[in-house]
Amino acid sequence: MGLKWDDSEDIAALLIEEHPEINPLEVRFTDLYRWVTELDDFDDDLKASTEGKLEAIQMAWLEEVNDRRE
């Protein structure tokens, strides 16, 4: 069973591994959408993305970055 849009924390953990140098707050949603859909484990309807789901992924990614800095 693959990742879905609502798996924001799991997606964030993968994004930090794929893009460790990126500040999540500086990522455009178009790039974030592309990066999420390109993840090997991503398996959801591409049209099911919403701004709210992308924002949830971005905030989970930011939280993961901050947790690793501590």
C-alpha atoms as a PDB file:
ATOM      1  CA  MET A   1       0.000   0.000   0.000  1.00  0.00           C
ATOM      2  CA  GLY A   2       1.565   3.265  -1.135  1.00  0.00           C
ATOM      3  CA  LEU A   3       1.597   6.770   0.221  1.00  0.00           C
ATOM      4  CA  LYS A   4      -1.492   8.937  -0.105  1.00  0.00           C
ATOM      5  CA  TRP A   5      -1.848  12.730  -0.032  1.00  0.00           C
ATOM      6  CA  ASP A   6      -2.959  12.559   3.593  1.00  0.00           C
ATOM      7  CA  ASP A   7       0.254  10.797   4.720  1.00  0.00           C
ATOM      8  CA  SER A   8       1.923  14.154   5.293  1.00  0.00           C
ATOM      9  CA  GLU A   9       4.350  13.027   8.008  1.00  0.00           C
ATOM     10  CA  ASP A  10       5.563  10.008   6.041  1.00  0.00           C
ATOM     11  CA  ILE A  11       5.918  12.096   2.897  1.00  0.00           C
ATOM     12  CA  ALA A  12       7.804  14.788   4.840  1.00  0.00           C
ATOM     13  CA  ALA A  13      10.289  12.213   6.154  1.00  0.00           C
ATOM     14  CA  LEU A  14      11.030  11.115   2.600  1.00  0.00           C
ATOM     15  CA  LEU A  15      11.279  14.671   1.284  1.00  0.00           C
ATOM     16  CA  ILE A  16      13.846  15.639   3.891  1.00  0.00           C
ATOM     17  CA  GLU A  17      15.955  12.689   2.758  1.00  0.00           C
ATOM     18  CA  GLU A  18      15.539  13.555  -0.932  1.00  0.00           C
ATOM     19  CA  HIS A  19      16.046  17.317  -0.500  1.00  0.00           C
ATOM     20  CA  PRO A  20      18.040  17.900   2.707  1.00  0.00           C
ATOM     21  CA  GLU A  21      19.307  21.314   1.629  1.00  0.00           C
ATOM     22  CA  ILE A  22      15.850  22.758   0.938  1.00  0.00           C
ATOM     23  CA  ASN A  23      13.978  25.098   3.268  1.00  0.00           C
ATOM     24  CA  PRO A  24      10.385  23.800   3.092  1.00  0.00           C
ATOM     25  CA  LEU A  25       8.987  27.326   3.431  1.00  0.00           C
ATOM     26  CA  GLU A  26      10.719  28.347   0.198  1.00  0.00           C
ATOM     27  CA  VAL A  27       9.253  25.529  -1.900  1.00  0.00           C
ATOM     28  CA  ARG A  28       6.597  26.464  -4.429  1.00  0.00           C
ATOM     29  CA  PHE A  29       3.558  24.218  -4.336  1.00  0.00           C
ATOM     30  CA  THR A  30       4.129  23.305  -7.983  1.00  0.00           C
ATOM     31  CA  ASP A  31       7.554  21.909  -7.074  1.00  0.00           C
ATOM     32  CA  LEU A  32       6.239  20.259  -3.920  1.00  0.00           C
ATOM     33  CA  TYR A  33       3.480  18.576  -5.937  1.00  0.00           C
ATOM     34  CA  ARG A  34       6.022  17.261  -8.430  1.00  0.00           C
ATOM     35  CA  TRP A  35       8.409  16.006  -5.739  1.00  0.00           C
ATOM     36  CA  VAL A  36       5.615  14.206  -3.889  1.00  0.00           C
ATOM     37  CA  THR A  37       4.269  12.544  -7.007  1.00  0.00           C
ATOM     38  CA  GLU A  38       7.785  11.449  -8.005  1.00  0.00           C
ATOM     39  CA  LEU A  39       8.357   9.573  -4.725  1.00  0.00           C
ATOM     40  CA  ASP A  40       8.703   5.846  -5.367  1.00  0.00           C
ATOM     41  CA  ASP A  41       6.119   4.960  -2.712  1.00  0.00           C
ATOM     42  CA  PHE A  42       3.537   7.544  -3.761  1.00  0.00           C
ATOM     43  CA  ASP A  43       0.362   5.872  -4.967  1.00  0.00           C
ATOM     44  CA  ASP A  44      -2.614   8.212  -4.979  1.00  0.00           C
ATOM     45  CA  ASP A  45      -4.814   9.999  -7.474  1.00  0.00           C
ATOM     46  CA  LEU A  46      -2.749  12.868  -8.858  1.00  0.00           C
ATOM     47  CA  LYS A  47      -5.893  15.002  -9.134  1.00  0.00           C
ATOM     48  CA  ALA A  48      -6.722  14.510  -5.434  1.00  0.00           C
ATOM     49  CA  SER A  49      -4.109  17.062  -4.424  1.00  0.00           C
ATOM     50  CA  THR A  50      -5.377  20.252  -2.824  1.00  0.00           C
ATOM     51  CA  GLU A  51      -3.683  23.344  -1.512  1.00  0.00           C
ATOM     52  CA  GLY A  52      -4.551  22.221   2.014  1.00  0.00           C
ATOM     53  CA  LYS A  53      -2.916  18.815   1.520  1.00  0.00           C
ATOM     54  CA  LEU A  54       0.221  20.381   0.085  1.00  0.00           C
ATOM     55  CA  GLU A  55       0.329  22.844   2.972  1.00  0.00           C
ATOM     56  CA  ALA A  56      -0.003  19.975   5.474  1.00  0.00           C
ATOM     57  CA  ILE A  57       2.945  18.219   3.807  1.00  0.00           C
ATOM     58  CA  GLN A  58       4.975  21.441   3.834  1.00  0.00           C
ATOM     59  CA  MET A  59       4.279  22.022   7.547  1.00  0.00           C
ATOM     60  CA  ALA A  60       5.120  18.403   8.426  1.00  0.00           C
ATOM     61  CA  TRP A  61       8.361  18.788   6.458  1.00  0.00           C
ATOM     62  CA  LEU A  62       9.187  22.000   8.331  1.00  0.00           C
ATOM     63  CA  GLU A  63       8.506  20.282  11.656  1.00  0.00           C
ATOM     64  CA  GLU A  64      10.781  17.395  10.650  1.00  0.00           C
ATOM     65  CA  VAL A  65      13.559  19.840   9.720  1.00  0.00           C
ATOM     66  CA  ASN A  66      13.191  21.661  13.039  1.00  0.00           C
ATOM     67  CA  ASP A  67      13.184  18.389  14.993  1.00  0.00           C
ATOM     68  CA  ARG A  68      16.444  17.331  13.352  1.00  0.00           C
ATOM     69  CA  ARG A  69      18.096  20.635  14.228  1.00  0.00           C
ATOM     70  CA  GLU A  70      17.423  20.189  17.936  1.00  0.00           C
END
